[in-house]
Amino acid sequence: MTLSVRLYSKSSIDFDLTSATAESELIIDLDKLARQCGPHELAGWAKRHNLDVFYVDNCWVRVPVSRSNLAKFADEILEKSDLFEAIGTAPNDSGCYVISSEEF
């Protein structure tokens, strides 16, 4: 299983959230916490927060989030409320992210 957070820009034509080959800058690799949040859990959390869910396939989900939603995710799903405190300080950080969870 994999779990990660990447930078995301809705205006980027190179980052189709349903494409397996789409890549953007990795913010944090959360693979050590992947068992806490698989694709099904991520999709359920996103739906409860009225967020869009994009399926790469039936075992791979991506959810675009704001910084505040990222903090909610850390608190509610990962139970690590301070996990993303340092995120958002880089000059190229747009404040938009995508959480990706894949089960293989």
C-alpha atoms as a PDB file:
ATOM      1  CA  MET A   1       0.000   0.000   0.000  1.00  0.00           C
ATOM      2  CA  THR A   2       1.086   3.557  -0.604  1.00  0.00           C
ATOM      3  CA  LEU A   3      -0.052   6.853   0.859  1.00  0.00           C
ATOM      4  CA  SER A   4       1.360  10.247  -0.091  1.00  0.00           C
ATOM      5  CA  VAL A   5       0.695  13.961  -0.383  1.00  0.00           C
ATOM      6  CA  ARG A   6       1.747  15.880  -3.485  1.00  0.00           C
ATOM      7  CA  LEU A   7       1.457  19.466  -4.680  1.00  0.00           C
ATOM      8  CA  TYR A   8      -1.560  20.039  -6.892  1.00  0.00           C
ATOM      9  CA  SER A   9      -2.762  22.789  -9.166  1.00  0.00           C
ATOM     10  CA  LYS A  10      -6.164  22.626 -10.839  1.00  0.00           C
ATOM     11  CA  SER A  11      -4.730  24.619 -13.721  1.00  0.00           C
ATOM     12  CA  SER A  12      -1.973  22.092 -14.421  1.00  0.00           C
ATOM     13  CA  ILE A  13      -2.777  20.264 -17.629  1.00  0.00           C
ATOM     14  CA  ASP A  14      -0.002  17.783 -16.856  1.00  0.00           C
ATOM     15  CA  PHE A  15      -1.658  16.386 -13.748  1.00  0.00           C
ATOM     16  CA  ASP A  16      -4.789  14.425 -14.611  1.00  0.00           C
ATOM     17  CA  LEU A  17      -5.953  12.940 -11.310  1.00  0.00           C
ATOM     18  CA  THR A  18      -7.292   9.828 -13.047  1.00  0.00           C
ATOM     19  CA  SER A  19      -4.063   9.062 -14.926  1.00  0.00           C
ATOM     20  CA  ALA A  20      -1.592   6.558 -13.476  1.00  0.00           C
ATOM     21  CA  THR A  21       1.298   8.423 -15.097  1.00  0.00           C
ATOM     22  CA  ALA A  22       0.448  11.808 -13.561  1.00  0.00           C
ATOM     23  CA  GLU A  23       3.178  13.139 -11.285  1.00  0.00           C
ATOM     24  CA  SER A  24       3.750  16.264  -9.253  1.00  0.00           C
ATOM     25  CA  GLU A  25       6.163  17.273  -6.510  1.00  0.00           C
ATOM     26  CA  LEU A  26       6.080  14.888  -3.565  1.00  0.00           C
ATOM     27  CA  ILE A  27       5.437  16.732  -0.305  1.00  0.00           C
ATOM     28  CA  ILE A  28       5.466  13.779   2.069  1.00  0.00           C
ATOM     29  CA  ASP A  29       5.641  10.008   1.727  1.00  0.00           C
ATOM     30  CA  LEU A  30       3.243   8.436   4.234  1.00  0.00           C
ATOM     31  CA  ASP A  31       3.789   4.794   3.322  1.00  0.00           C
ATOM     32  CA  LYS A  32       4.524   3.932   6.964  1.00  0.00           C
ATOM     33  CA  LEU A  33       0.965   5.053   7.768  1.00  0.00           C
ATOM     34  CA  ALA A  34      -0.683   3.506   4.690  1.00  0.00           C
ATOM     35  CA  ARG A  35      -2.354   0.710   6.656  1.00  0.00           C
ATOM     36  CA  GLN A  36      -4.357   3.372   8.506  1.00  0.00           C
ATOM     37  CA  CYS A  37      -5.799   4.774   5.287  1.00  0.00           C
ATOM     38  CA  GLY A  38      -6.340   2.699   2.185  1.00  0.00           C
ATOM     39  CA  PRO A  39      -8.241   3.880  -0.876  1.00  0.00           C
ATOM     40  CA  HIS A  40     -11.632   2.959   0.591  1.00  0.00           C
ATOM     41  CA  GLU A  41     -10.972   4.918   3.798  1.00  0.00           C
ATOM     42  CA  LEU A  42      -9.654   7.938   1.903  1.00  0.00           C
ATOM     43  CA  ALA A  43     -12.682   7.983  -0.419  1.00  0.00           C
ATOM     44  CA  GLY A  44     -15.062   7.684   2.542  1.00  0.00           C
ATOM     45  CA  TRP A  45     -13.360  10.513   4.421  1.00  0.00           C
ATOM     46  CA  ALA A  46     -13.425  12.729   1.316  1.00  0.00           C
ATOM     47  CA  LYS A  47     -17.118  12.079   0.711  1.00  0.00           C
ATOM     48  CA  ARG A  48     -17.950  12.932   4.341  1.00  0.00           C
ATOM     49  CA  HIS A  49     -16.220  16.291   3.754  1.00  0.00           C
ATOM     50  CA  ASN A  50     -17.861  16.873   0.339  1.00  0.00           C
ATOM     51  CA  LEU A  51     -14.516  16.624  -1.458  1.00  0.00           C
ATOM     52  CA  ASP A  52     -14.015  15.293  -4.974  1.00  0.00           C
ATOM     53  CA  VAL A  53     -12.706  11.751  -5.281  1.00  0.00           C
ATOM     54  CA  PHE A  54     -10.787  10.687  -8.386  1.00  0.00           C
ATOM     55  CA  TYR A  55     -10.256   7.010  -9.170  1.00  0.00           C
ATOM     56  CA  VAL A  56      -7.146   6.001 -11.103  1.00  0.00           C
ATOM     57  CA  ASP A  57      -8.496   2.449 -10.825  1.00  0.00           C
ATOM     58  CA  ASN A  58     -10.551   0.542  -8.270  1.00  0.00           C
ATOM     59  CA  CYS A  59      -7.572   0.322  -5.878  1.00  0.00           C
ATOM     60  CA  TRP A  60      -6.101   3.812  -6.308  1.00  0.00           C
ATOM     61  CA  VAL A  61      -7.760   7.023  -5.156  1.00  0.00           C
ATOM     62  CA  ARG A  62      -6.689  10.681  -5.285  1.00  0.00           C
ATOM     63  CA  VAL A  63      -8.352  13.526  -3.408  1.00  0.00           C
ATOM     64  CA  PRO A  64      -7.444  17.195  -3.966  1.00  0.00           C
ATOM     65  CA  VAL A  65      -7.438  19.137  -0.695  1.00  0.00           C
ATOM     66  CA  SER A  66      -6.675  22.546   0.775  1.00  0.00           C
ATOM     67  CA  ARG A  67      -4.190  23.023   3.598  1.00  0.00           C
ATOM     68  CA  SER A  68      -7.051  23.104   6.127  1.00  0.00           C
ATOM     69  CA  ASN A  69      -8.471  19.837   4.772  1.00  0.00           C
ATOM     70  CA  LEU A  70      -5.014  18.311   4.929  1.00  0.00           C
ATOM     71  CA  ALA A  71      -4.909  19.161   8.630  1.00  0.00           C
ATOM     72  CA  LYS A  72      -8.344  17.555   9.125  1.00  0.00           C
ATOM     73  CA  PHE A  73      -7.122  14.429   7.356  1.00  0.00           C
ATOM     74  CA  ALA A  74      -4.064  14.234   9.622  1.00  0.00           C
ATOM     75  CA  ASP A  75      -6.200  14.638  12.732  1.00  0.00           C
ATOM     76  CA  GLU A  76      -9.219  12.506  11.825  1.00  0.00           C
ATOM     77  CA  ILE A  77      -7.650   9.659   9.851  1.00  0.00           C
ATOM     78  CA  LEU A  78      -3.996   9.483  10.834  1.00  0.00           C
ATOM     79  CA  GLU A  79      -4.541  10.778  14.390  1.00  0.00           C
ATOM     80  CA  LYS A  80      -1.429  12.942  14.051  1.00  0.00           C
ATOM     81  CA  SER A  81      -2.714  16.516  14.168  1.00  0.00           C
ATOM     82  CA  ASP A  82       0.734  18.121  13.881  1.00  0.00           C
ATOM     83  CA  LEU A  83       1.940  15.970  10.963  1.00  0.00           C
ATOM     84  CA  PHE A  84       1.669  18.698   8.317  1.00  0.00           C
ATOM     85  CA  GLU A  85       2.636  21.790  10.348  1.00  0.00           C
ATOM     86  CA  ALA A  86       5.743  22.485   8.239  1.00  0.00           C
ATOM     87  CA  ILE A  87       3.920  22.103   4.916  1.00  0.00           C
ATOM     88  CA  GLY A  88       3.158  25.291   3.059  1.00  0.00           C
ATOM     89  CA  THR A  89       6.381  27.137   3.698  1.00  0.00           C
ATOM     90  CA  ALA A  90       8.045  26.475   0.337  1.00  0.00           C
ATOM     91  CA  PRO A  91       7.941  29.318  -2.213  1.00  0.00           C
ATOM     92  CA  ASN A  92       6.436  27.061  -4.908  1.00  0.00           C
ATOM     93  CA  ASP A  93       3.700  25.781  -2.575  1.00  0.00           C
ATOM     94  CA  SER A  94       0.297  26.729  -4.011  1.00  0.00           C
ATOM     95  CA  GLY A  95      -1.667  25.677  -0.932  1.00  0.00           C
ATOM     96  CA  CYS A  96      -3.357  22.903  -2.918  1.00  0.00           C
ATOM     97  CA  TYR A  97      -2.457  19.276  -2.429  1.00  0.00           C
ATOM     98  CA  VAL A  98      -3.570  15.836  -3.507  1.00  0.00           C
ATOM     99  CA  ILE A  99      -3.727  12.890  -1.132  1.00  0.00           C
ATOM    100  CA  SER A 100      -3.104   9.624  -2.926  1.00  0.00           C
ATOM    101  CA  SER A 101      -3.782   6.127  -1.595  1.00  0.00           C
ATOM    102  CA  GLU A 102      -3.079   2.973  -3.571  1.00  0.00           C
ATOM    103  CA  GLU A 103      -3.556  -0.644  -2.628  1.00  0.00           C
ATOM    104  CA  PHE A 104      -1.799  -3.221  -4.736  1.00  0.00           C
END
